[in-house]
Amino acid sequence: MTFRFSPAKILHPGNAFGPLFAGNLTTLSHLLKTPYEPCLDGHILVIEDIHEALYRIDRMITQMIMAGYLDNIRGLILGRFDHCGDNQALHRFFLEAFRDRNIPILAECGIGHGQENVTIPIGVAAVLSTDDRSLTFDISATLPGKASFHEL
């Protein structure tokens, strides 16, 4: 199964492989250093949010980076950031925040809040490719005995 995010913006080119984890940025940042903090090591991370000012997004991501929480992610997909300010400013912020990392970053993917919304399987092995702005899942490798995603 492959999702193509044709209108997506490539912030940093590359390819990544790993299980997918997705979440709301505000919620993830509030889970930091609690017993409920998910381990993101080796994952492709998808984040999204709504109605958050850029300075709050900056604060949350900076805290997560300083805590080492995002040190071992393999790729980053920015879903919908509706009502969060200027997209160009948001993109510049993420480029700066991850400037020392060599991970693929796609932005403006239709994942998150809003009427146009993509549903993706969490925890499934995936390949992120900025070459064709795609996210490909190997459902059979993660869910033995299932012939297709539609049987889940």
Protein backbone atom coordinates (compact mmCIF):
# COMPACT_ATOMS: atom_id res chain seq x y z
CA MET A 1 0.00 0.00 0.00
CA THR A 2 1.43 3.36 -1.02
CA PHE A 3 0.28 6.88 -0.19
CA ARG A 4 1.50 9.62 -2.50
CA PHE A 5 1.49 13.14 -1.15
CA SER A 6 1.79 14.91 -4.51
CA PRO A 7 1.29 18.45 -3.19
CA ALA A 8 3.76 17.82 -0.33
CA LYS A 9 6.84 20.01 0.03
CA ILE A 10 10.25 18.39 0.33
CA LEU A 11 12.07 20.12 3.18
CA HIS A 12 14.99 17.69 3.23
CA PRO A 13 15.46 14.95 0.61
CA GLY A 14 16.09 11.31 1.34
CA ASN A 15 14.63 7.93 2.11
CA ALA A 16 13.91 6.23 5.41
CA PHE A 17 12.68 2.85 6.60
CA GLY A 18 11.07 2.05 9.94
CA PRO A 19 7.79 1.58 11.74
CA LEU A 20 5.44 4.52 11.53
CA PHE A 21 4.34 6.51 14.54
CA ALA A 22 1.95 9.45 14.29
CA GLY A 23 0.55 11.88 16.76
CA ASN A 24 -0.56 15.32 17.63
CA LEU A 25 2.48 17.45 18.49
CA THR A 26 0.93 19.01 21.59
CA THR A 27 -0.10 15.63 22.97
CA LEU A 28 3.31 14.08 22.27
CA SER A 29 5.11 16.94 23.96
CA HIS A 30 2.90 16.57 27.05
CA LEU A 31 3.80 12.89 27.28
CA LEU A 32 7.53 13.65 27.38
CA LYS A 33 9.21 12.04 30.42
CA THR A 34 6.00 10.40 31.64
CA PRO A 35 5.30 6.64 31.81
CA TYR A 36 3.16 7.10 28.66
CA GLU A 37 5.92 8.54 26.47
CA PRO A 38 6.10 6.40 23.32
CA CYS A 39 9.54 5.30 22.17
CA LEU A 40 10.27 6.83 18.77
CA ASP A 41 13.69 5.27 18.23
CA GLY A 42 13.99 3.97 14.66
CA HIS A 43 10.55 5.28 13.68
CA ILE A 44 9.31 7.51 10.92
CA LEU A 45 7.42 10.21 12.81
CA VAL A 46 4.29 11.94 11.57
CA ILE A 47 3.19 15.00 13.54
CA GLU A 48 0.32 17.41 13.12
CA ASP A 49 -1.47 20.07 15.11
CA ILE A 50 -4.20 22.66 14.94
CA HIS A 51 -4.63 26.15 16.41
CA GLU A 52 -1.09 26.36 17.79
CA ALA A 53 0.99 29.51 17.34
CA LEU A 54 4.40 29.06 15.76
CA TYR A 55 6.15 30.09 19.01
CA ARG A 56 4.37 27.23 20.82
CA ILE A 57 5.34 24.75 18.09
CA ASP A 58 8.91 26.07 18.40
CA ARG A 59 8.81 25.57 22.18
CA MET A 60 7.45 22.02 21.95
CA ILE A 61 9.89 20.83 19.27
CA THR A 62 12.84 22.56 20.96
CA GLN A 63 12.00 20.88 24.26
CA MET A 64 11.69 17.48 22.57
CA ILE A 65 15.01 17.95 20.76
CA MET A 66 16.81 19.17 23.90
CA ALA A 67 15.45 16.16 25.82
CA GLY A 68 16.87 13.84 23.15
CA TYR A 69 13.42 12.54 22.36
CA LEU A 70 13.80 12.93 18.59
CA ASP A 71 17.47 11.86 18.33
CA ASN A 72 16.80 8.51 16.72
CA ILE A 73 13.86 9.11 14.40
CA ARG A 74 14.57 8.06 10.82
CA GLY A 75 12.23 10.41 8.99
CA LEU A 76 9.74 13.19 9.62
CA ILE A 77 6.41 13.90 7.98
CA LEU A 78 4.63 17.13 8.81
CA GLY A 79 0.92 16.61 8.45
CA ARG A 80 -1.66 19.35 8.64
CA PHE A 81 -0.84 22.37 10.77
CA ASP A 82 -4.13 24.20 10.29
CA HIS A 83 -4.44 27.64 11.85
CA CYS A 84 -0.82 27.52 13.04
CA GLY A 85 0.47 30.50 11.11
CA ASP A 86 2.41 30.89 7.91
CA ASN A 87 3.45 27.58 6.32
CA GLN A 88 6.72 29.05 5.02
CA ALA A 89 7.69 30.16 8.53
CA LEU A 90 6.75 26.72 9.85
CA HIS A 91 8.92 25.06 7.19
CA ARG A 92 11.87 27.33 7.98
CA PHE A 93 11.53 26.50 11.66
CA PHE A 94 11.58 22.73 11.05
CA LEU A 95 14.52 23.03 8.66
CA GLU A 96 16.45 24.94 11.30
CA ALA A 97 15.43 22.61 14.15
CA PHE A 98 16.60 19.54 12.22
CA ARG A 99 19.55 21.14 10.40
CA ASP A 100 22.07 18.80 12.06
CA ARG A 101 20.10 15.69 11.13
CA ASN A 102 20.27 13.91 7.82
CA ILE A 103 16.69 12.66 7.72
CA PRO A 104 14.06 13.04 5.02
CA ILE A 105 11.39 15.62 5.84
CA LEU A 106 8.11 16.05 3.95
CA ALA A 107 5.68 18.86 4.77
CA GLU A 108 2.06 19.68 3.99
CA CYS A 109 0.89 16.08 3.87
CA GLY A 110 -2.85 15.65 4.40
CA ILE A 111 -2.60 13.91 7.76
CA GLY A 112 -4.24 15.42 10.83
CA HIS A 113 -7.27 17.53 11.58
CA GLY A 114 -9.44 18.83 8.79
CA GLN A 115 -11.92 17.68 6.19
CA GLU A 116 -9.25 16.34 3.84
CA ASN A 117 -7.52 13.77 5.97
CA VAL A 118 -5.43 10.67 5.26
CA THR A 119 -5.72 7.68 7.58
CA ILE A 120 -2.47 5.76 7.99
CA PRO A 121 -1.63 2.51 9.80
CA ILE A 122 0.43 3.12 12.94
CA GLY A 123 3.21 0.72 13.92
CA VAL A 124 3.50 -0.75 10.44
CA ALA A 125 6.88 -0.93 8.67
CA ALA A 126 7.07 1.86 6.11
CA VAL A 127 9.38 3.44 3.57
CA LEU A 128 9.38 7.22 3.27
CA SER A 129 10.70 8.52 -0.06
CA THR A 130 10.95 12.19 -0.90
CA ASP A 131 11.82 11.26 -4.50
CA ASP A 132 8.17 10.62 -5.28
CA ARG A 133 6.69 12.05 -2.06
CA SER A 134 5.47 8.64 -0.94
CA LEU A 135 4.94 6.51 2.12
CA THR A 136 4.83 2.79 1.34
CA PHE A 137 3.71 0.15 3.82
CA ASP A 138 4.58 -3.53 3.88
CA ILE A 139 1.47 -4.78 5.63
CA SER A 140 2.35 -8.46 5.15
CA ALA A 141 5.74 -8.02 6.87
CA THR A 142 4.12 -6.55 9.97
CA LEU A 143 0.88 -8.49 10.15
CA PRO A 144 1.49 -12.17 9.38
CA GLY A 145 -1.43 -14.05 7.92
CA LYS A 146 -3.14 -11.00 6.45
CA ALA A 147 -3.31 -10.91 2.66
CA SER A 148 -4.27 -7.26 2.39
CA PHE A 149 -4.86 -4.12 4.38
CA HIS A 150 -8.60 -4.39 3.74
CA GLU A 151 -8.80 -7.56 5.84
CA LEU A 152 -7.68 -5.79 9.02
